[in-house]
Structures are given as structure tokens and as C-alpha cells.
Amino acid sequence: MSEVTIKLPQNIEEREARLALAIELFRDGRITITQAAQLAGTSPDEFTKIFLKKERLSREDRALLRVIEETLRSDWESEEDKWWDEY
């Protein structure tokens, strides 16, 4: 992952900006849930909860996202995806 330095307005916190960017990139299908969580500085499970709360998805979309989450859960437990233990 590359690093970027951005000057934020005083009323925007870094965590808020990272989360907004992660949501937007995930919504556009440009990054995975795991990558979005890493960008936002959360666990994949926490990112999913935040995303669902902010997006007000339809029942079908929520069901699909839960299936995706369950499918990826085993990947989250692999050694290479344990990055969130560092936070």
C-alpha cells in the first residue's frame, strides 16, 4: 500500500477522513472489505458494521454483504491478514 500525505481542514479528523475514503473505495468496488478496514484503521468486522450503518442498504444488499463477510471470515483469520492485531 502506498502512503499519501493530505492536509485536512481543522474540523476533519484523520480517522474520519480515512473512514470516508475507505467507504467510498469499497462502495465503488475498488478495494476489498479487508483493505477498506485496514485503510480505516478498524477490524474487518467493525468496518462492515460501520458500512452497513452508514449505507442504509436494502435487505438484499445486507444479506449479500453478510454472505461475503462469512466467506471472508476464514481469510481474516489467516496469518497474512492479522494486520489488525498491530493496532
PDB file of N, CA and C in Angstrom:
ATOM      1  N   MET A   1       0.850  -1.174   0.000  1.00  0.00           N
ATOM      2  CA  MET A   1       0.000   0.000   0.000  1.00  0.00           C
ATOM      3  C   MET A   1       0.895   1.237   0.000  1.00  0.00           C
ATOM      4  N   SER A   2       0.551   2.220  -0.794  1.00  0.00           N
ATOM      5  CA  SER A   2       1.352   3.439  -0.837  1.00  0.00           C
ATOM      6  C   SER A   2       0.873   4.424   0.231  1.00  0.00           C
ATOM      7  N   GLU A   3       1.733   5.386   0.528  1.00  0.00           N
ATOM      8  CA  GLU A   3       1.404   6.401   1.531  1.00  0.00           C
ATOM      9  C   GLU A   3       1.176   7.739   0.862  1.00  0.00           C
ATOM     10  N   VAL A   4       0.201   8.498   1.390  1.00  0.00           N
ATOM     11  CA  VAL A   4      -0.131   9.817   0.878  1.00  0.00           C
ATOM     12  C   VAL A   4      -0.278  10.752   2.071  1.00  0.00           C
ATOM     13  N   THR A   5       0.210  11.963   1.925  1.00  0.00           N
ATOM     14  CA  THR A   5       0.040  12.979   2.960  1.00  0.00           C
ATOM     15  C   THR A   5      -0.980  13.987   2.462  1.00  0.00           C
ATOM     16  N   ILE A   6      -2.001  14.225   3.285  1.00  0.00           N
ATOM     17  CA  ILE A   6      -3.073  15.150   2.916  1.00  0.00           C
ATOM     18  C   ILE A   6      -3.267  16.145   4.051  1.00  0.00           C
ATOM     19  N   LYS A   7      -3.370  17.415   3.726  1.00  0.00           N
ATOM     20  CA  LYS A   7      -3.680  18.434   4.723  1.00  0.00           C
ATOM     21  C   LYS A   7      -5.199  18.523   4.825  1.00  0.00           C
ATOM     22  N   LEU A   8      -5.710  18.247   6.020  1.00  0.00           N
ATOM     23  CA  LEU A   8      -7.151  18.261   6.254  1.00  0.00           C
ATOM     24  C   LEU A   8      -7.586  19.570   6.902  1.00  0.00           C
ATOM     25  N   PRO A   9      -8.795  20.013   6.612  1.00  0.00           N
ATOM     26  CA  PRO A   9      -9.318  21.172   7.335  1.00  0.00           C
ATOM     27  C   PRO A   9      -9.361  20.845   8.836  1.00  0.00           C
ATOM     28  N   GLN A  10      -9.293  21.868   9.666  1.00  0.00           N
ATOM     29  CA  GLN A  10      -9.241  21.650  11.113  1.00  0.00           C
ATOM     30  C   GLN A  10     -10.449  20.901  11.661  1.00  0.00           C
ATOM     31  N   ASN A  11     -11.586  21.007  10.986  1.00  0.00           N
ATOM     32  CA  ASN A  11     -12.786  20.360  11.508  1.00  0.00           C
ATOM     33  C   ASN A  11     -12.921  18.899  11.055  1.00  0.00           C
ATOM     34  N   ILE A  12     -11.951  18.374  10.308  1.00  0.00           N
ATOM     35  CA  ILE A  12     -11.961  16.990   9.861  1.00  0.00           C
ATOM     36  C   ILE A  12     -10.807  16.248  10.529  1.00  0.00           C
ATOM     37  N   GLU A  13     -11.132  15.180  11.250  1.00  0.00           N
ATOM     38  CA  GLU A  13     -10.101  14.377  11.898  1.00  0.00           C
ATOM     39  C   GLU A  13      -9.581  13.310  10.935  1.00  0.00           C
ATOM     40  N   GLU A  14      -8.350  12.858  11.168  1.00  0.00           N
ATOM     41  CA  GLU A  14      -7.741  11.857  10.292  1.00  0.00           C
ATOM     42  C   GLU A  14      -8.587  10.589  10.214  1.00  0.00           C
ATOM     43  N   ARG A  15      -9.073  10.113  11.354  1.00  0.00           N
ATOM     44  CA  ARG A  15      -9.882   8.888  11.372  1.00  0.00           C
ATOM     45  C   ARG A  15     -11.139   9.039  10.507  1.00  0.00           C
ATOM     46  N   GLU A  16     -11.771  10.191  10.587  1.00  0.00           N
ATOM     47  CA  GLU A  16     -12.974  10.459   9.798  1.00  0.00           C
ATOM     48  C   GLU A  16     -12.659  10.442   8.298  1.00  0.00           C
ATOM     49  N   ALA A  17     -11.547  11.045   7.915  1.00  0.00           N
ATOM     50  CA  ALA A  17     -11.159  11.099   6.507  1.00  0.00           C
ATOM     51  C   ALA A  17     -10.799   9.708   5.988  1.00  0.00           C
ATOM     52  N   ARG A  18     -10.081   8.940   6.800  1.00  0.00           N
ATOM     53  CA  ARG A  18      -9.704   7.583   6.399  1.00  0.00           C
ATOM     54  C   ARG A  18     -10.942   6.712   6.220  1.00  0.00           C
ATOM     55  N   LEU A  19     -11.891   6.847   7.124  1.00  0.00           N
ATOM     56  CA  LEU A  19     -13.120   6.067   7.038  1.00  0.00           C
ATOM     57  C   LEU A  19     -13.926   6.447   5.799  1.00  0.00           C
ATOM     58  N   ALA A  20     -14.045   7.745   5.542  1.00  0.00           N
ATOM     59  CA  ALA A  20     -14.796   8.207   4.367  1.00  0.00           C
ATOM     60  C   ALA A  20     -14.166   7.689   3.076  1.00  0.00           C
ATOM     61  N   LEU A  21     -12.853   7.735   2.999  1.00  0.00           N
ATOM     62  CA  LEU A  21     -12.163   7.235   1.812  1.00  0.00           C
ATOM     63  C   LEU A  21     -12.354   5.723   1.673  1.00  0.00           C
ATOM     64  N   ALA A  22     -12.225   5.011   2.771  1.00  0.00           N
ATOM     65  CA  ALA A  22     -12.401   3.554   2.737  1.00  0.00           C
ATOM     66  C   ALA A  22     -13.808   3.179   2.281  1.00  0.00           C
ATOM     67  N   ILE A  23     -14.823   3.867   2.799  1.00  0.00           N
ATOM     68  CA  ILE A  23     -16.204   3.588   2.405  1.00  0.00           C
ATOM     69  C   ILE A  23     -16.402   3.852   0.921  1.00  0.00           C
ATOM     70  N   GLU A  24     -15.894   4.955   0.453  1.00  0.00           N
ATOM     71  CA  GLU A  24     -16.067   5.311  -0.957  1.00  0.00           C
ATOM     72  C   GLU A  24     -15.377   4.305  -1.888  1.00  0.00           C
ATOM     73  N   LEU A  25     -14.159   3.943  -1.573  1.00  0.00           N
ATOM     74  CA  LEU A  25     -13.430   2.991  -2.412  1.00  0.00           C
ATOM     75  C   LEU A  25     -14.063   1.607  -2.371  1.00  0.00           C
ATOM     76  N   PHE A  26     -14.546   1.204  -1.189  1.00  0.00           N
ATOM     77  CA  PHE A  26     -15.222  -0.086  -1.076  1.00  0.00           C
ATOM     78  C   PHE A  26     -16.543  -0.074  -1.838  1.00  0.00           C
ATOM     79  N   ARG A  27     -17.306   0.997  -1.696  1.00  0.00           N
ATOM     80  CA  ARG A  27     -18.587   1.139  -2.391  1.00  0.00           C
ATOM     81  C   ARG A  27     -18.390   1.035  -3.908  1.00  0.00           C
ATOM     82  N   ASP A  28     -17.296   1.614  -4.403  1.00  0.00           N
ATOM     83  CA  ASP A  28     -17.008   1.585  -5.837  1.00  0.00           C
ATOM     84  C   ASP A  28     -16.416   0.251  -6.299  1.00  0.00           C
ATOM     85  N   GLY A  29     -16.165  -0.655  -5.349  1.00  0.00           N
ATOM     86  CA  GLY A  29     -15.610  -1.958  -5.704  1.00  0.00           C
ATOM     87  C   GLY A  29     -14.132  -1.943  -6.019  1.00  0.00           C
ATOM     88  N   ARG A  30     -13.451  -0.898  -5.587  1.00  0.00           N
ATOM     89  CA  ARG A  30     -12.022  -0.766  -5.912  1.00  0.00           C
ATOM     90  C   ARG A  30     -11.127  -1.426  -4.883  1.00  0.00           C
ATOM     91  N   ILE A  31     -11.664  -1.677  -3.660  1.00  0.00           N
ATOM     92  CA  ILE A  31     -10.907  -2.370  -2.624  1.00  0.00           C
ATOM     93  C   ILE A  31     -11.828  -3.372  -1.932  1.00  0.00           C
ATOM     94  N   THR A  32     -11.231  -4.357  -1.283  1.00  0.00           N
ATOM     95  CA  THR A  32     -11.986  -5.381  -0.558  1.00  0.00           C
ATOM     96  C   THR A  32     -12.376  -4.867   0.824  1.00  0.00           C
ATOM     97  N   ILE A  33     -13.215  -5.629   1.505  1.00  0.00           N
ATOM     98  CA  ILE A  33     -13.583  -5.282   2.883  1.00  0.00           C
ATOM     99  C   ILE A  33     -12.335  -5.235   3.761  1.00  0.00           C
ATOM    100  N   THR A  34     -11.463  -6.213   3.587  1.00  0.00           N
ATOM    101  CA  THR A  34     -10.234  -6.262   4.392  1.00  0.00           C
ATOM    102  C   THR A  34      -9.361  -5.045   4.137  1.00  0.00           C
ATOM    103  N   GLN A  35      -9.210  -4.661   2.876  1.00  0.00           N
ATOM    104  CA  GLN A  35      -8.411  -3.474   2.549  1.00  0.00           C
ATOM    105  C   GLN A  35      -9.077  -2.207   3.085  1.00  0.00           C
ATOM    106  N   ALA A  36     -10.401  -2.130   2.977  1.00  0.00           N
ATOM    107  CA  ALA A  36     -11.123  -0.961   3.486  1.00  0.00           C
ATOM    108  C   ALA A  36     -10.953  -0.848   4.988  1.00  0.00           C
ATOM    109  N   ALA A  37     -11.042  -1.961   5.674  1.00  0.00           N
ATOM    110  CA  ALA A  37     -10.863  -1.957   7.133  1.00  0.00           C
ATOM    111  C   ALA A  37      -9.455  -1.497   7.501  1.00  0.00           C
ATOM    112  N   GLN A  38      -8.475  -1.989   6.778  1.00  0.00           N
ATOM    113  CA  GLN A  38      -7.100  -1.585   7.049  1.00  0.00           C
ATOM    114  C   GLN A  38      -6.932  -0.082   6.838  1.00  0.00           C
ATOM    115  N   LEU A  39      -7.476   0.437   5.747  1.00  0.00           N
ATOM    116  CA  LEU A  39      -7.402   1.869   5.462  1.00  0.00           C
ATOM    117  C   LEU A  39      -8.101   2.681   6.552  1.00  0.00           C
ATOM    118  N   ALA A  40      -9.230   2.192   7.024  1.00  0.00           N
ATOM    119  CA  ALA A  40      -9.998   2.901   8.048  1.00  0.00           C
ATOM    120  C   ALA A  40      -9.407   2.732   9.445  1.00  0.00           C
ATOM    121  N   GLY A  41      -8.481   1.785   9.600  1.00  0.00           N
ATOM    122  CA  GLY A  41      -7.877   1.552  10.914  1.00  0.00           C
ATOM    123  C   GLY A  41      -8.785   0.768  11.846  1.00  0.00           C
ATOM    124  N   THR A  42      -9.616  -0.105  11.269  1.00  0.00           N
ATOM    125  CA  THR A  42     -10.530  -0.921  12.071  1.00  0.00           C
ATOM    126  C   THR A  42     -10.338  -2.387  11.705  1.00  0.00           C
ATOM    127  N   SER A  43     -11.033  -3.254  12.417  1.00  0.00           N
ATOM    128  CA  SER A  43     -11.076  -4.657  12.019  1.00  0.00           C
ATOM    129  C   SER A  43     -12.076  -4.782  10.872  1.00  0.00           C
ATOM    130  N   PRO A  44     -11.986  -5.837  10.083  1.00  0.00           N
ATOM    131  CA  PRO A  44     -12.976  -6.036   9.020  1.00  0.00           C
ATOM    132  C   PRO A  44     -14.401  -6.116   9.562  1.00  0.00           C
ATOM    133  N   ASP A  45     -14.581  -6.738  10.708  1.00  0.00           N
ATOM    134  CA  ASP A  45     -15.911  -6.848  11.308  1.00  0.00           C
ATOM    135  C   ASP A  45     -16.461  -5.472  11.674  1.00  0.00           C
ATOM    136  N   GLU A  46     -15.640  -4.642  12.281  1.00  0.00           N
ATOM    137  CA  GLU A  46     -16.064  -3.290  12.666  1.00  0.00           C
ATOM    138  C   GLU A  46     -16.348  -2.433  11.434  1.00  0.00           C
ATOM    139  N   PHE A  47     -15.513  -2.553  10.398  1.00  0.00           N
ATOM    140  CA  PHE A  47     -15.756  -1.791   9.172  1.00  0.00           C
ATOM    141  C   PHE A  47     -17.103  -2.184   8.566  1.00  0.00           C
ATOM    142  N   THR A  48     -17.387  -3.482   8.537  1.00  0.00           N
ATOM    143  CA  THR A  48     -18.654  -3.954   7.987  1.00  0.00           C
ATOM    144  C   THR A  48     -19.826  -3.342   8.739  1.00  0.00           C
ATOM    145  N   LYS A  49     -19.748  -3.308  10.061  1.00  0.00           N
ATOM    146  CA  LYS A  49     -20.822  -2.715  10.873  1.00  0.00           C
ATOM    147  C   LYS A  49     -20.988  -1.222  10.564  1.00  0.00           C
ATOM    148  N   ILE A  50     -19.886  -0.513  10.478  1.00  0.00           N
ATOM    149  CA  ILE A  50     -19.940   0.918  10.168  1.00  0.00           C
ATOM    150  C   ILE A  50     -20.516   1.139   8.776  1.00  0.00           C
ATOM    151  N   PHE A  51     -20.056   0.345   7.823  1.00  0.00           N
ATOM    152  CA  PHE A  51     -20.527   0.475   6.447  1.00  0.00           C
ATOM    153  C   PHE A  51     -22.031   0.241   6.358  1.00  0.00           C
ATOM    154  N   LEU A  52     -22.504  -0.825   6.998  1.00  0.00           N
ATOM    155  CA  LEU A  52     -23.936  -1.124   6.965  1.00  0.00           C
ATOM    156  C   LEU A  52     -24.751  -0.002   7.595  1.00  0.00           C
ATOM    157  N   LYS A  53     -24.245   0.553   8.672  1.00  0.00           N
ATOM    158  CA  LYS A  53     -24.962   1.634   9.361  1.00  0.00           C
ATOM    159  C   LYS A  53     -25.031   2.886   8.486  1.00  0.00           C
ATOM    160  N   LYS A  54     -23.934   3.230   7.831  1.00  0.00           N
ATOM    161  CA  LYS A  54     -23.879   4.451   7.029  1.00  0.00           C
ATOM    162  C   LYS A  54     -24.584   4.320   5.685  1.00  0.00           C
ATOM    163  N   GLU A  55     -24.599   3.135   5.127  1.00  0.00           N
ATOM    164  CA  GLU A  55     -25.099   2.967   3.772  1.00  0.00           C
ATOM    165  C   GLU A  55     -26.603   2.722   3.669  1.00  0.00           C
ATOM    166  N   ARG A  56     -27.250   2.331   4.737  1.00  0.00           N
ATOM    167  CA  ARG A  56     -28.682   2.041   4.698  1.00  0.00           C
ATOM    168  C   ARG A  56     -29.021   1.157   3.493  1.00  0.00           C
ATOM    169  N   LEU A  57     -28.363   0.024   3.438  1.00  0.00           N
ATOM    170  CA  LEU A  57     -28.520  -0.890   2.317  1.00  0.00           C
ATOM    171  C   LEU A  57     -29.880  -1.589   2.355  1.00  0.00           C
ATOM    172  N   SER A  58     -30.318  -2.015   1.192  1.00  0.00           N
ATOM    173  CA  SER A  58     -31.551  -2.783   1.117  1.00  0.00           C
ATOM    174  C   SER A  58     -31.345  -4.128   1.813  1.00  0.00           C
ATOM    175  N   ARG A  59     -32.432  -4.809   2.110  1.00  0.00           N
ATOM    176  CA  ARG A  59     -32.358  -6.103   2.775  1.00  0.00           C
ATOM    177  C   ARG A  59     -31.534  -7.089   1.948  1.00  0.00           C
ATOM    178  N   GLU A  60     -31.709  -7.071   0.625  1.00  0.00           N
ATOM    179  CA  GLU A  60     -30.966  -7.981  -0.241  1.00  0.00           C
ATOM    180  C   GLU A  60     -29.467  -7.667  -0.224  1.00  0.00           C
ATOM    181  N   ASP A  61     -29.149  -6.367  -0.244  1.00  0.00           N
ATOM    182  CA  ASP A  61     -27.742  -5.970  -0.199  1.00  0.00           C
ATOM    183  C   ASP A  61     -27.102  -6.380   1.123  1.00  0.00           C
ATOM    184  N   ARG A  62     -27.838  -6.224   2.229  1.00  0.00           N
ATOM    185  CA  ARG A  62     -27.302  -6.618   3.538  1.00  0.00           C
ATOM    186  C   ARG A  62     -27.073  -8.120   3.594  1.00  0.00           C
ATOM    187  N   ALA A  63     -28.008  -8.879   3.056  1.00  0.00           N
ATOM    188  CA  ALA A  63     -27.854 -10.334   3.047  1.00  0.00           C
ATOM    189  C   ALA A  63     -26.627 -10.733   2.235  1.00  0.00           C
ATOM    190  N   LEU A  64     -26.447 -10.098   1.081  1.00  0.00           N
ATOM    191  CA  LEU A  64     -25.288 -10.386   0.242  1.00  0.00           C
ATOM    192  C   LEU A  64     -23.996 -10.015   0.966  1.00  0.00           C
ATOM    193  N   LEU A  65     -23.963  -8.875   1.616  1.00  0.00           N
ATOM    194  CA  LEU A  65     -22.765  -8.453   2.333  1.00  0.00           C
ATOM    195  C   LEU A  65     -22.448  -9.407   3.482  1.00  0.00           C
ATOM    196  N   ARG A  66     -23.467  -9.918   4.168  1.00  0.00           N
ATOM    197  CA  ARG A  66     -23.234 -10.897   5.246  1.00  0.00           C
ATOM    198  C   ARG A  66     -22.648 -12.189   4.693  1.00  0.00           C
ATOM    199  N   VAL A  67     -23.136 -12.619   3.533  1.00  0.00           N
ATOM    200  CA  VAL A  67     -22.577 -13.821   2.900  1.00  0.00           C
ATOM    201  C   VAL A  67     -21.114 -13.587   2.558  1.00  0.00           C
ATOM    202  N   ILE A  68     -20.824 -12.429   2.005  1.00  0.00           N
ATOM    203  CA  ILE A  68     -19.436 -12.092   1.679  1.00  0.00           C
ATOM    204  C   ILE A  68     -18.589 -12.078   2.947  1.00  0.00           C
ATOM    205  N   GLU A  69     -19.113 -11.467   3.999  1.00  0.00           N
ATOM    206  CA  GLU A  69     -18.377 -11.388   5.263  1.00  0.00           C
ATOM    207  C   GLU A  69     -18.091 -12.779   5.814  1.00  0.00           C
ATOM    208  N   GLU A  70     -19.089 -13.653   5.808  1.00  0.00           N
ATOM    209  CA  GLU A  70     -18.893 -15.010   6.316  1.00  0.00           C
ATOM    210  C   GLU A  70     -17.870 -15.764   5.476  1.00  0.00           C
ATOM    211  N   THR A  71     -17.919 -15.559   4.165  1.00  0.00           N
ATOM    212  CA  THR A  71     -16.978 -16.220   3.265  1.00  0.00           C
ATOM    213  C   THR A  71     -15.556 -15.744   3.542  1.00  0.00           C
ATOM    214  N   LEU A  72     -15.411 -14.456   3.804  1.00  0.00           N
ATOM    215  CA  LEU A  72     -14.072 -13.895   4.027  1.00  0.00           C
ATOM    216  C   LEU A  72     -13.553 -14.120   5.442  1.00  0.00           C
ATOM    217  N   ARG A  73     -14.439 -14.462   6.372  1.00  0.00           N
ATOM    218  CA  ARG A  73     -14.018 -14.609   7.772  1.00  0.00           C
ATOM    219  C   ARG A  73     -12.832 -15.562   7.916  1.00  0.00           C
ATOM    220  N   SER A  74     -12.838 -16.658   7.159  1.00  0.00           N
ATOM    221  CA  SER A  74     -11.719 -17.588   7.244  1.00  0.00           C
ATOM    222  C   SER A  74     -10.433 -16.936   6.744  1.00  0.00           C
ATOM    223  N   ASP A  75     -10.551 -16.069   5.738  1.00  0.00           N
ATOM    224  CA  ASP A  75      -9.371 -15.354   5.247  1.00  0.00           C
ATOM    225  C   ASP A  75      -8.845 -14.393   6.307  1.00  0.00           C
ATOM    226  N   TRP A  76      -9.759 -13.776   7.064  1.00  0.00           N
ATOM    227  CA  TRP A  76      -9.359 -12.812   8.090  1.00  0.00           C
ATOM    228  C   TRP A  76      -8.561 -13.490   9.186  1.00  0.00           C
ATOM    229  N   GLU A  77      -8.784 -14.780   9.349  1.00  0.00           N
ATOM    230  CA  GLU A  77      -8.090 -15.499  10.405  1.00  0.00           C
ATOM    231  C   GLU A  77      -6.734 -16.026   9.960  1.00  0.00           C
ATOM    232  N   SER A  78      -6.402 -15.872   8.680  1.00  0.00           N
ATOM    233  CA  SER A  78      -5.114 -16.340   8.188  1.00  0.00           C
ATOM    234  C   SER A  78      -4.007 -15.420   8.700  1.00  0.00           C
ATOM    235  N   GLU A  79      -2.814 -15.918   8.697  1.00  0.00           N
ATOM    236  CA  GLU A  79      -1.672 -15.160   9.228  1.00  0.00           C
ATOM    237  C   GLU A  79      -1.444 -13.852   8.484  1.00  0.00           C
ATOM    238  N   GLU A  80      -1.557 -13.855   7.163  1.00  0.00           N
ATOM    239  CA  GLU A  80      -1.233 -12.649   6.398  1.00  0.00           C
ATOM    240  C   GLU A  80      -2.252 -11.540   6.598  1.00  0.00           C
ATOM    241  N   ASP A  81      -3.455 -11.863   7.077  1.00  0.00           N
ATOM    242  CA  ASP A  81      -4.473 -10.845   7.283  1.00  0.00           C
ATOM    243  C   ASP A  81      -4.638 -10.460   8.748  1.00  0.00           C
ATOM    244  N   LYS A  82      -3.694 -10.811   9.596  1.00  0.00           N
ATOM    245  CA  LYS A  82      -3.794 -10.479  11.020  1.00  0.00           C
ATOM    246  C   LYS A  82      -3.213  -9.094  11.320  1.00  0.00           C
ATOM    247  N   TRP A  83      -3.190  -8.235  10.323  1.00  0.00           N
ATOM    248  CA  TRP A  83      -2.612  -6.893  10.479  1.00  0.00           C
ATOM    249  C   TRP A  83      -3.307  -6.100  11.573  1.00  0.00           C
ATOM    250  N   TRP A  84      -4.618  -6.332  11.810  1.00  0.00           N
ATOM    251  CA  TRP A  84      -5.337  -5.512  12.782  1.00  0.00           C
ATOM    252  C   TRP A  84      -4.892  -5.780  14.219  1.00  0.00           C
ATOM    253  N   ASP A  85      -4.188  -6.912  14.459  1.00  0.00           N
ATOM    254  CA  ASP A  85      -3.659  -7.177  15.796  1.00  0.00           C
ATOM    255  C   ASP A  85      -2.598  -6.159  16.180  1.00  0.00           C
ATOM    256  N   GLU A  86      -2.027  -5.482  15.175  1.00  0.00           N
ATOM    257  CA  GLU A  86      -0.985  -4.499  15.430  1.00  0.00           C
ATOM    258  C   GLU A  86      -1.535  -3.176  15.937  1.00  0.00           C
ATOM    259  N   TYR A  87      -2.848  -2.942  15.765  1.00  0.00           N
ATOM    260  CA  TYR A  87      -3.434  -1.664  16.151  1.00  0.00           C
ATOM    261  C   TYR A  87      -3.850  -1.638  17.584  1.00  0.00           C
TER     262      TYR A  87
END
